[in-house]
Amino acid sequence: MRLYPTRRAIALMAVGALPALIVAVAAPGMWTAAAAWIVLALGLMLADVLLAASPRSLTLEAIAPRVLGVGRPEMAQLTAAFAGAGPSRVELAIGLNDRLTAEPDRQSVRVSGGRAEAQVRLSPIRRGEGRIEGVWARWHGPLGLMWLQRQAPRSGPLAVTPDVAGVKEHALRLFARDAPLGAKPLLDAGEGSDFHALKEFQTGMDLGDIDWKQSARHGKLVGREYRTERNHHVLLALDTGRLMSAPAAGLPRIDRAINAALLLAFVSLRMDDRVGLFAFDSRPRLASGLASGPAAFPLLQKLATAIDYSTEETNFTLGLTALSGRLDRRAMVVVFTDFADATSAELMIENVARLMRTHLVLFVVFRDEELESLVAREPMEPDDVSRAVIAGRLLKQREAVTTRLRRLGAQIVDAPAQGLSMALLNGYLDVKRRRLI
């Protein structure tokens, strides 16, 4: 419990200070009368504390989800309950560690029936152990001269994991037959190279799928329906180096990449492909075996959650060589990475080219929206022109790197951070449709 004066109490003391000083200077013998104002103010402050609701009668509680997905805000509820008569209003505040942010972190709430409740929006910004460091409530007495404050003890840890709930929502929408406009339904029958069945030709089917012999026999156009190819090897390779810890649209790039990778893993497992996870920075950090079936998704989720943030530079030679050594048959390797200079890009291209001799590489990079905004922004000062020129040069270098990778045969997914997951899925489906694996 803490007690401290309000602004009104400070103003009250300040108002009496000037007359007290004048009395003390004009009539030094009456200095005791000058001090009477201070004694009166202190007496009023003490009376305010005694008349206020007792901190011992307050119960503070914070109710929050025990598991939060990074980048997916959740609501928490703060409750202040007074056993007896409470104040008319109470201020509630919440303190968090560096894994979480709160909005608002402080608010004034009306007390009704001795109870006050407030909603707080918790936004996980980094994976790991989030924690509510404390919940504070303060209120003043009826005279408004003294604040009374009480703090609730620290709560248990909140697990901040990849956004698995968002992953499953996206995936279920894609698998639904009534998927919204712009989302491709992922049906077993449809695009692919494995013959599935014959069906009456319908508008929109490929003319090359018409079975002319069966059409002649049935007296109507009959088309061949194919089943999506299965049992492919899909390896998700995550660069966890320093550049991937930099923010993109409010979240670290590695968290955006993990969310996209888990969505692809969920869909691939549902489509009977085999999926593995690999992470590297200056050296390999994680290497899982290939798993199959939807039941394997929780394991991949657990492994992805354990991937830590790194401050080390990425060693593409060591990482991609170790990755290649783990593959015993042709696979689709999805590489999530970023680069900042020509030297690191050259090393990356050299090692990706070596990998592409045997495997199909789907290369995933984040579109640099910050550089694009600098180029598109109308210059107002000479420095704006300099920034735009430098940003334009960096964008050209990035474009040159992706162009070289395309010429080598890599499939490129270059998308904004918030649209990365859907762009990656479209790239994956396009690879299966074109039978590139």
Protein backbone atom coordinates (compact mmCIF):
# COMPACT_ATOMS: atom_id res chain seq x y z
CA MET A 1 0.00 0.00 0.00
CA ARG A 2 1.23 3.52 -0.82
CA LEU A 3 0.02 6.99 0.17
CA TYR A 4 0.99 10.20 -1.63
CA PRO A 5 -0.56 13.65 -2.19
CA THR A 6 -2.67 14.62 -5.17
CA ARG A 7 -2.18 17.77 -7.20
CA ARG A 8 -4.95 19.38 -5.18
CA ALA A 9 -2.99 18.81 -1.96
CA ILE A 10 0.17 20.27 -3.47
CA ALA A 11 -1.79 23.31 -4.65
CA LEU A 12 -3.28 23.69 -1.16
CA MET A 13 0.17 23.73 0.42
CA ALA A 14 1.44 26.17 -2.21
CA VAL A 15 -1.45 28.57 -1.62
CA GLY A 16 -0.57 28.83 2.07
CA ALA A 17 3.15 29.11 1.53
CA LEU A 18 3.16 32.73 0.31
CA PRO A 19 1.05 34.15 3.18
CA ALA A 20 3.14 32.18 5.67
CA LEU A 21 6.31 33.67 4.22
CA ILE A 22 4.91 37.21 4.38
CA VAL A 23 3.85 36.74 8.01
CA ALA A 24 7.22 35.29 8.93
CA VAL A 25 9.06 38.26 7.37
CA ALA A 26 6.73 41.00 8.66
CA ALA A 27 6.29 39.62 12.17
CA PRO A 28 8.94 37.05 13.09
CA GLY A 29 7.36 36.60 16.50
CA MET A 30 4.23 35.15 14.92
CA TRP A 31 6.03 32.36 13.07
CA THR A 32 3.91 29.78 14.92
CA ALA A 33 0.76 31.29 13.42
CA ALA A 34 2.35 31.03 9.98
CA ALA A 35 2.90 27.33 10.53
CA ALA A 36 -0.77 26.83 11.36
CA TRP A 37 -1.62 26.61 7.65
CA ILE A 38 0.75 23.73 7.17
CA VAL A 39 -0.69 21.92 10.17
CA LEU A 40 -4.21 22.51 8.85
CA ALA A 41 -3.30 21.15 5.41
CA LEU A 42 -1.67 18.06 6.92
CA GLY A 43 -4.74 17.53 9.09
CA LEU A 44 -7.01 17.67 6.04
CA MET A 45 -4.80 15.20 4.21
CA LEU A 46 -4.91 12.82 7.15
CA ALA A 47 -8.69 13.15 7.36
CA ASP A 48 -8.92 12.38 3.61
CA VAL A 49 -7.00 9.13 4.14
CA LEU A 50 -9.19 8.09 7.07
CA LEU A 51 -12.41 8.82 5.17
CA ALA A 52 -11.28 7.03 1.99
CA ALA A 53 -11.95 3.38 1.16
CA SER A 54 -9.37 1.18 2.89
CA PRO A 55 -6.76 -0.49 0.63
CA ARG A 56 -7.15 -3.65 2.72
CA SER A 57 -10.73 -3.97 1.50
CA LEU A 58 -9.61 -4.09 -2.14
CA THR A 59 -9.17 -7.27 -4.18
CA LEU A 60 -7.27 -6.82 -7.46
CA GLU A 61 -7.34 -9.40 -10.22
CA ALA A 62 -6.12 -9.68 -13.82
CA ILE A 63 -7.65 -12.37 -16.04
CA ALA A 64 -5.72 -13.02 -19.27
CA PRO A 65 -5.33 -15.95 -21.71
CA ARG A 66 -2.52 -18.28 -20.66
CA VAL A 67 -1.39 -18.76 -24.27
CA LEU A 68 -1.16 -15.93 -26.82
CA GLY A 69 -0.15 -16.04 -30.47
CA VAL A 70 2.49 -13.51 -31.47
CA GLY A 71 0.94 -10.68 -33.46
CA ARG A 72 -2.58 -11.72 -32.42
CA PRO A 73 -4.04 -9.35 -29.78
CA GLU A 74 -6.15 -10.76 -26.97
CA MET A 75 -8.29 -9.07 -24.34
CA ALA A 76 -7.52 -9.15 -20.62
CA GLN A 77 -9.84 -8.06 -17.84
CA LEU A 78 -8.81 -6.06 -14.80
CA THR A 79 -11.11 -6.22 -11.78
CA ALA A 80 -11.03 -4.13 -8.61
CA ALA A 81 -13.54 -5.18 -5.94
CA PHE A 82 -14.00 -3.34 -2.62
CA ALA A 83 -15.39 -5.32 0.31
CA GLY A 84 -17.11 -2.25 1.76
CA ALA A 85 -18.02 1.15 0.39
CA GLY A 86 -15.73 2.08 -2.47
CA PRO A 87 -14.76 5.34 -4.16
CA SER A 88 -16.69 6.75 -7.08
CA ARG A 89 -13.80 6.11 -9.50
CA VAL A 90 -10.59 4.12 -9.46
CA GLU A 91 -7.57 4.26 -11.80
CA LEU A 92 -6.28 0.90 -12.99
CA ALA A 93 -2.86 0.31 -14.56
CA ILE A 94 -1.06 -2.80 -15.80
CA GLY A 95 2.66 -3.47 -16.17
CA LEU A 96 4.08 -6.05 -18.61
CA ASN A 97 7.47 -7.41 -19.57
CA ASP A 98 9.08 -6.80 -22.98
CA ARG A 99 7.14 -9.63 -24.70
CA LEU A 100 3.80 -7.82 -24.44
CA THR A 101 2.26 -4.38 -24.82
CA ALA A 102 -1.02 -3.14 -23.37
CA GLU A 103 -3.55 -0.66 -24.75
CA PRO A 104 -4.50 1.29 -22.75
CA ASP A 105 -1.95 0.67 -20.01
CA ARG A 106 -3.76 3.08 -17.65
CA GLN A 107 -7.44 4.05 -17.40
CA SER A 108 -9.97 5.57 -15.03
CA VAL A 109 -13.01 3.38 -14.33
CA ARG A 110 -16.29 4.10 -12.57
CA VAL A 111 -16.99 2.00 -9.47
CA SER A 112 -20.48 0.52 -9.29
CA GLY A 113 -21.59 -1.56 -6.33
CA GLY A 114 -18.04 -1.58 -4.99
CA ARG A 115 -16.72 -3.17 -8.21
CA ALA A 116 -14.82 -1.78 -11.21
CA GLU A 117 -13.89 -3.65 -14.39
CA ALA A 118 -11.68 -2.63 -17.31
CA GLN A 119 -10.72 -4.27 -20.60
CA VAL A 120 -7.09 -4.18 -21.77
CA ARG A 121 -5.87 -5.18 -25.21
CA LEU A 122 -2.73 -7.34 -24.88
CA SER A 123 -0.53 -7.46 -27.98
CA PRO A 124 2.24 -10.11 -28.02
CA ILE A 125 5.27 -8.74 -29.87
CA ARG A 126 7.89 -11.45 -29.24
CA ARG A 127 7.71 -15.17 -28.62
CA GLY A 128 8.73 -16.46 -25.20
CA GLU A 129 7.45 -16.05 -21.67
CA GLY A 130 5.16 -13.07 -21.27
CA ARG A 131 4.39 -11.84 -17.80
CA ILE A 132 2.07 -9.40 -16.09
CA GLU A 133 4.52 -7.68 -13.79
CA GLY A 134 1.79 -6.08 -11.72
CA VAL A 135 -1.65 -4.52 -11.59
CA TRP A 136 -2.09 -1.23 -9.77
CA ALA A 137 -5.19 0.52 -8.50
CA ARG A 138 -5.30 3.99 -7.00
CA TRP A 139 -8.09 6.22 -5.75
CA HIS A 140 -8.40 9.34 -3.62
CA GLY A 141 -10.50 10.22 -0.61
CA PRO A 142 -13.62 12.39 -0.61
CA LEU A 143 -11.53 15.56 -0.24
CA GLY A 144 -9.36 14.65 -3.21
CA LEU A 145 -6.12 15.35 -1.31
CA MET A 146 -4.44 11.94 -1.01
CA TRP A 147 -3.94 9.03 -3.38
CA LEU A 148 -4.24 5.53 -1.93
CA GLN A 149 -2.60 2.84 -4.06
CA ARG A 150 -2.43 -0.91 -3.95
CA GLN A 151 -0.60 -3.39 -6.17
CA ALA A 152 -1.61 -6.94 -6.98
CA PRO A 153 1.17 -9.55 -6.90
CA ARG A 154 2.84 -10.73 -10.11
CA SER A 155 0.83 -13.33 -11.99
CA GLY A 156 2.02 -16.55 -13.57
CA PRO A 157 3.73 -16.65 -16.99
CA LEU A 158 1.84 -16.23 -20.24
CA ALA A 159 3.15 -18.35 -23.10
CA VAL A 160 3.69 -16.30 -26.28
CA THR A 161 3.79 -18.76 -29.18
CA PRO A 162 3.47 -18.56 -32.96
CA ASP A 163 -0.03 -17.59 -34.06
CA VAL A 164 -1.38 -21.12 -34.40
CA ALA A 165 -5.00 -20.01 -34.06
CA GLY A 166 -4.56 -17.67 -37.02
CA VAL A 167 -2.83 -20.45 -38.96
CA LYS A 168 -5.76 -22.82 -38.46
CA GLU A 169 -8.32 -20.14 -39.32
CA HIS A 170 -6.57 -19.43 -42.62
CA ALA A 171 -6.20 -23.12 -43.40
CA LEU A 172 -9.81 -24.02 -42.63
CA ARG A 173 -11.04 -21.19 -44.84
CA LEU A 174 -8.88 -22.49 -47.66
CA PHE A 175 -10.13 -26.05 -47.29
CA ALA A 176 -13.77 -24.95 -47.13
CA ARG A 177 -15.77 -25.36 -50.32
CA ASP A 178 -17.46 -22.02 -49.73
CA ALA A 179 -14.15 -20.16 -49.44
CA PRO A 180 -14.45 -16.36 -49.84
CA LEU A 181 -13.58 -14.61 -53.06
CA GLY A 182 -9.83 -14.54 -53.59
CA ALA A 183 -9.06 -17.69 -51.57
CA LYS A 184 -8.51 -20.90 -53.52
CA PRO A 185 -10.32 -23.96 -52.08
CA LEU A 186 -7.85 -26.78 -51.43
CA LEU A 187 -9.75 -29.85 -52.56
CA ASP A 188 -8.18 -33.27 -53.01
CA ALA A 189 -9.73 -33.57 -56.44
CA GLY A 190 -8.80 -30.93 -58.93
CA GLU A 191 -5.38 -29.71 -59.94
CA GLY A 192 -2.60 -32.28 -59.89
CA SER A 193 -1.13 -35.06 -62.01
CA ASP A 194 -2.57 -38.22 -60.44
CA PHE A 195 -5.66 -39.48 -62.32
CA HIS A 196 -8.68 -39.65 -60.02
CA ALA A 197 -11.93 -40.11 -61.96
CA LEU A 198 -13.96 -39.29 -65.06
CA LYS A 199 -16.68 -36.67 -64.87
CA GLU A 200 -18.91 -34.77 -67.25
CA PHE A 201 -17.04 -31.86 -68.78
CA GLN A 202 -17.95 -28.53 -67.18
CA THR A 203 -17.27 -24.93 -68.03
CA GLY A 204 -13.89 -23.92 -66.68
CA MET A 205 -12.22 -27.32 -67.08
CA ASP A 206 -9.05 -27.51 -69.18
CA LEU A 207 -9.74 -28.61 -72.77
CA GLY A 208 -6.67 -30.84 -72.56
CA ASP A 209 -8.42 -32.93 -69.91
CA ILE A 210 -11.17 -34.09 -72.28
CA ASP A 211 -11.12 -37.86 -72.77
CA TRP A 212 -12.22 -38.13 -76.40
CA LYS A 213 -12.64 -41.92 -76.41
CA GLN A 214 -14.92 -41.89 -73.40
CA SER A 215 -16.76 -38.86 -74.80
CA ALA A 216 -17.47 -40.76 -78.03
CA ARG A 217 -18.66 -43.80 -76.05
CA HIS A 218 -21.03 -41.76 -73.83
CA GLY A 219 -22.19 -39.34 -76.50
CA LYS A 220 -21.17 -36.29 -74.44
CA LEU A 221 -18.00 -34.56 -73.39
CA VAL A 222 -16.26 -36.38 -70.55
CA GLY A 223 -13.22 -34.98 -68.77
CA ARG A 224 -10.48 -36.51 -66.65
CA GLU A 225 -10.30 -35.34 -63.03
CA TYR A 226 -6.96 -35.44 -61.27
CA ARG A 227 -6.05 -35.77 -57.64
CA THR A 228 -3.55 -33.46 -56.01
CA GLU A 229 -0.11 -35.04 -55.91
CA ARG A 230 0.87 -36.51 -52.57
CA ASN A 231 3.87 -37.68 -50.56
CA HIS A 232 6.16 -34.86 -51.63
CA HIS A 233 8.97 -33.82 -49.31
CA VAL A 234 8.63 -30.20 -48.15
CA LEU A 235 11.42 -28.76 -46.03
CA LEU A 236 10.91 -25.38 -44.37
CA ALA A 237 14.30 -23.68 -43.94
CA LEU A 238 14.23 -20.63 -41.65
CA ASP A 239 17.06 -18.14 -41.58
CA THR A 240 17.10 -16.97 -37.94
CA GLY A 241 20.04 -14.55 -38.25
CA ARG A 242 20.29 -10.92 -37.20
CA LEU A 243 18.40 -9.46 -40.15
CA MET A 244 15.43 -11.74 -39.55
CA SER A 245 15.02 -10.30 -36.05
CA ALA A 246 14.41 -6.84 -37.52
CA PRO A 247 10.77 -5.69 -37.46
CA ALA A 248 8.39 -5.92 -40.41
CA ALA A 249 4.94 -4.34 -39.97
CA GLY A 250 5.32 -4.33 -36.21
CA LEU A 251 6.64 -7.89 -35.71
CA PRO A 252 10.08 -9.47 -36.11
CA ARG A 253 10.57 -10.97 -39.56
CA ILE A 254 11.30 -14.37 -38.05
CA ASP A 255 7.88 -14.42 -36.38
CA ARG A 256 6.19 -13.52 -39.67
CA ALA A 257 8.18 -16.30 -41.33
CA ILE A 258 7.29 -18.86 -38.64
CA ASN A 259 3.57 -18.06 -38.95
CA ALA A 260 3.75 -18.48 -42.73
CA ALA A 261 5.80 -21.66 -42.40
CA LEU A 262 3.30 -23.20 -39.97
CA LEU A 263 0.41 -22.37 -42.27
CA LEU A 264 2.21 -24.06 -45.16
CA ALA A 265 3.03 -27.02 -42.91
CA PHE A 266 -0.61 -27.38 -41.85
CA VAL A 267 -1.82 -27.34 -45.47
CA SER A 268 0.96 -29.65 -46.70
CA LEU A 269 0.26 -32.22 -44.00
CA ARG A 270 -3.44 -32.13 -44.87
CA MET A 271 -2.49 -32.79 -48.48
CA ASP A 272 -0.42 -35.84 -47.43
CA ASP A 273 2.97 -34.29 -48.09
CA ARG A 274 5.84 -34.89 -45.66
CA VAL A 275 7.12 -31.79 -43.88
CA GLY A 276 10.33 -31.00 -42.01
CA LEU A 277 11.69 -27.94 -40.22
CA PHE A 278 15.23 -26.55 -40.37
CA ALA A 279 16.61 -23.37 -38.76
CA PHE A 280 20.06 -21.82 -39.01
CA ASP A 281 22.01 -18.60 -38.42
CA SER A 282 25.80 -18.78 -37.96
CA ARG A 283 25.28 -22.56 -37.69
CA PRO A 284 22.37 -24.99 -37.82
CA ARG A 285 20.07 -24.55 -34.82
CA LEU A 286 17.21 -26.94 -35.48
CA ALA A 287 16.74 -29.92 -37.77
CA SER A 288 13.65 -32.10 -37.56
CA GLY A 289 12.87 -35.22 -39.46
CA LEU A 290 10.15 -35.34 -42.09
CA ALA A 291 6.71 -35.85 -40.58
CA SER A 292 3.45 -36.80 -42.25
CA GLY A 293 -0.22 -36.56 -41.38
CA PRO A 294 -2.18 -33.82 -39.58
CA ALA A 295 -1.24 -35.37 -36.22
CA ALA A 296 2.36 -34.23 -36.78
CA PHE A 297 1.43 -30.53 -36.76
CA PRO A 298 1.64 -30.07 -32.93
CA LEU A 299 5.23 -31.37 -33.03
CA LEU A 300 6.21 -28.87 -35.73
CA GLN A 301 4.44 -26.14 -33.76
CA LYS A 302 6.42 -27.02 -30.63
CA LEU A 303 9.72 -27.01 -32.54
CA ALA A 304 8.92 -23.65 -34.16
CA THR A 305 8.06 -22.13 -30.79
CA ALA A 306 11.54 -23.04 -29.52
CA ILE A 307 13.32 -21.07 -32.29
CA ASP A 308 15.06 -18.17 -30.58
CA TYR A 309 15.91 -14.66 -31.76
CA SER A 310 19.51 -14.27 -32.85
CA THR A 311 22.04 -11.44 -33.17
CA GLU A 312 24.49 -13.46 -35.25
CA GLU A 313 25.15 -13.13 -38.96
CA THR A 314 23.78 -15.86 -41.20
CA ASN A 315 26.25 -18.38 -42.59
CA PHE A 316 24.54 -19.54 -45.78
CA THR A 317 27.39 -21.85 -46.74
CA LEU A 318 27.29 -23.85 -43.52
CA GLY A 319 23.51 -23.72 -43.12
CA LEU A 320 22.47 -24.73 -46.64
CA THR A 321 25.24 -27.35 -46.92
CA ALA A 322 24.01 -29.00 -43.73
CA LEU A 323 20.46 -28.80 -45.06
CA SER A 324 21.41 -30.44 -48.36
CA GLY A 325 23.13 -33.28 -46.52
CA ARG A 326 19.88 -34.17 -44.75
CA LEU A 327 17.90 -34.68 -47.97
CA ASP A 328 18.06 -38.12 -49.58
CA ARG A 329 15.58 -37.46 -52.39
CA ARG A 330 14.28 -34.53 -54.43
CA ALA A 331 12.32 -32.13 -52.25
CA MET A 332 10.80 -28.69 -52.27
CA VAL A 333 12.94 -26.52 -50.03
CA VAL A 334 11.22 -23.34 -48.83
CA VAL A 335 13.88 -20.84 -47.75
CA PHE A 336 12.77 -17.90 -45.57
CA THR A 337 15.50 -15.27 -45.49
CA ASP A 338 16.49 -11.66 -46.04
CA PHE A 339 19.64 -9.86 -47.14
CA ALA A 340 20.99 -6.33 -46.81
CA ASP A 341 24.14 -6.09 -48.93
CA ALA A 342 25.63 -7.43 -52.14
CA THR A 343 28.22 -9.61 -50.35
CA SER A 344 25.70 -11.59 -48.29
CA ALA A 345 23.41 -11.83 -51.33
CA GLU A 346 26.25 -13.26 -53.46
CA LEU A 347 27.03 -15.95 -50.86
CA MET A 348 23.35 -16.75 -50.61
CA ILE A 349 22.92 -17.09 -54.38
CA GLU A 350 25.98 -19.32 -54.66
CA ASN A 351 24.70 -21.77 -52.07
CA VAL A 352 21.09 -21.69 -53.25
CA ALA A 353 22.31 -22.49 -56.78
CA ARG A 354 24.13 -25.53 -55.43
CA LEU A 355 20.96 -26.65 -53.68
CA MET A 356 18.88 -26.23 -56.84
CA ARG A 357 20.93 -28.81 -58.73
CA THR A 358 18.88 -31.51 -57.00
CA HIS A 359 15.93 -29.81 -55.32
CA LEU A 360 13.23 -27.29 -56.10
CA VAL A 361 13.79 -24.09 -54.11
CA LEU A 362 10.92 -21.78 -53.19
CA PHE A 363 12.61 -18.58 -52.06
CA VAL A 364 10.62 -16.37 -49.65
CA VAL A 365 11.67 -12.76 -49.05
CA PHE A 366 9.95 -9.79 -47.43
CA ARG A 367 9.09 -6.87 -49.63
CA ASP A 368 10.82 -3.82 -48.16
CA GLU A 369 7.83 -1.54 -47.74
CA GLU A 370 9.90 1.06 -45.91
CA LEU A 371 12.22 1.54 -48.89
CA GLU A 372 9.26 1.63 -51.25
CA SER A 373 7.60 4.35 -49.16
CA LEU A 374 10.80 6.44 -49.25
CA VAL A 375 10.90 6.19 -53.05
CA ALA A 376 7.19 7.01 -53.46
CA ARG A 377 7.09 9.86 -50.93
CA GLU A 378 6.94 13.38 -52.33
CA PRO A 379 10.21 15.15 -51.42
CA MET A 380 9.80 18.19 -49.19
CA GLU A 381 13.47 18.80 -48.33
CA PRO A 382 16.82 18.10 -50.01
CA ASP A 383 17.41 15.21 -47.58
CA ASP A 384 14.23 13.54 -48.86
CA VAL A 385 15.73 13.41 -52.34
CA SER A 386 18.91 11.80 -51.00
CA ARG A 387 16.91 9.21 -49.10
CA ALA A 388 14.78 8.43 -52.15
CA VAL A 389 17.86 7.96 -54.36
CA ILE A 390 19.55 5.64 -51.87
CA ALA A 391 16.31 3.69 -51.29
CA GLY A 392 15.82 3.32 -55.04
CA ARG A 393 19.35 1.98 -55.43
CA LEU A 394 18.80 -0.59 -52.66
CA LEU A 395 15.52 -1.69 -54.25
CA LYS A 396 17.29 -2.20 -57.58
CA GLN A 397 19.91 -4.34 -55.87
CA ARG A 398 17.20 -6.48 -54.30
CA GLU A 399 15.45 -6.80 -57.65
CA ALA A 400 18.73 -7.85 -59.26
CA VAL A 401 19.17 -10.62 -56.67
CA THR A 402 15.64 -12.00 -57.16
CA THR A 403 16.07 -11.82 -60.94
CA ARG A 404 19.25 -13.90 -60.75
CA LEU A 405 17.51 -16.46 -58.56
CA ARG A 406 14.63 -16.73 -61.05
CA ARG A 407 17.10 -17.29 -63.88
CA LEU A 408 18.72 -20.08 -61.89
CA GLY A 409 15.31 -21.73 -61.56
CA ALA A 410 14.18 -20.74 -58.09
CA GLN A 411 10.54 -19.93 -57.45
CA ILE A 412 10.25 -16.52 -55.76
CA VAL A 413 7.67 -15.34 -53.23
CA ASP A 414 8.22 -11.61 -52.70
CA ALA A 415 5.34 -10.22 -50.66
CA PRO A 416 4.54 -7.64 -47.97
CA ALA A 417 4.87 -8.90 -44.42
CA GLN A 418 1.12 -9.03 -43.76
CA GLY A 419 0.38 -10.86 -47.03
CA LEU A 420 3.28 -13.29 -46.84
CA SER A 421 1.29 -16.35 -45.73
CA MET A 422 -1.25 -16.23 -48.57
CA ALA A 423 1.44 -15.45 -51.15
CA LEU A 424 3.44 -18.45 -49.96
CA LEU A 425 0.42 -20.76 -50.19
CA ASN A 426 -0.29 -19.56 -53.72
CA GLY A 427 3.33 -20.28 -54.64
CA TYR A 428 3.12 -23.76 -53.13
CA LEU A 429 -0.10 -24.57 -54.99
CA ASP A 430 1.34 -23.20 -58.20
CA VAL A 431 4.34 -25.54 -57.87
CA LYS A 432 2.04 -28.53 -57.44
CA ARG A 433 -0.20 -27.43 -60.29
CA ARG A 434 2.78 -27.13 -62.65
CA ARG A 435 4.19 -30.47 -61.44
CA LEU A 436 7.61 -28.98 -60.74
CA ILE A 437 8.56 -31.34 -57.89
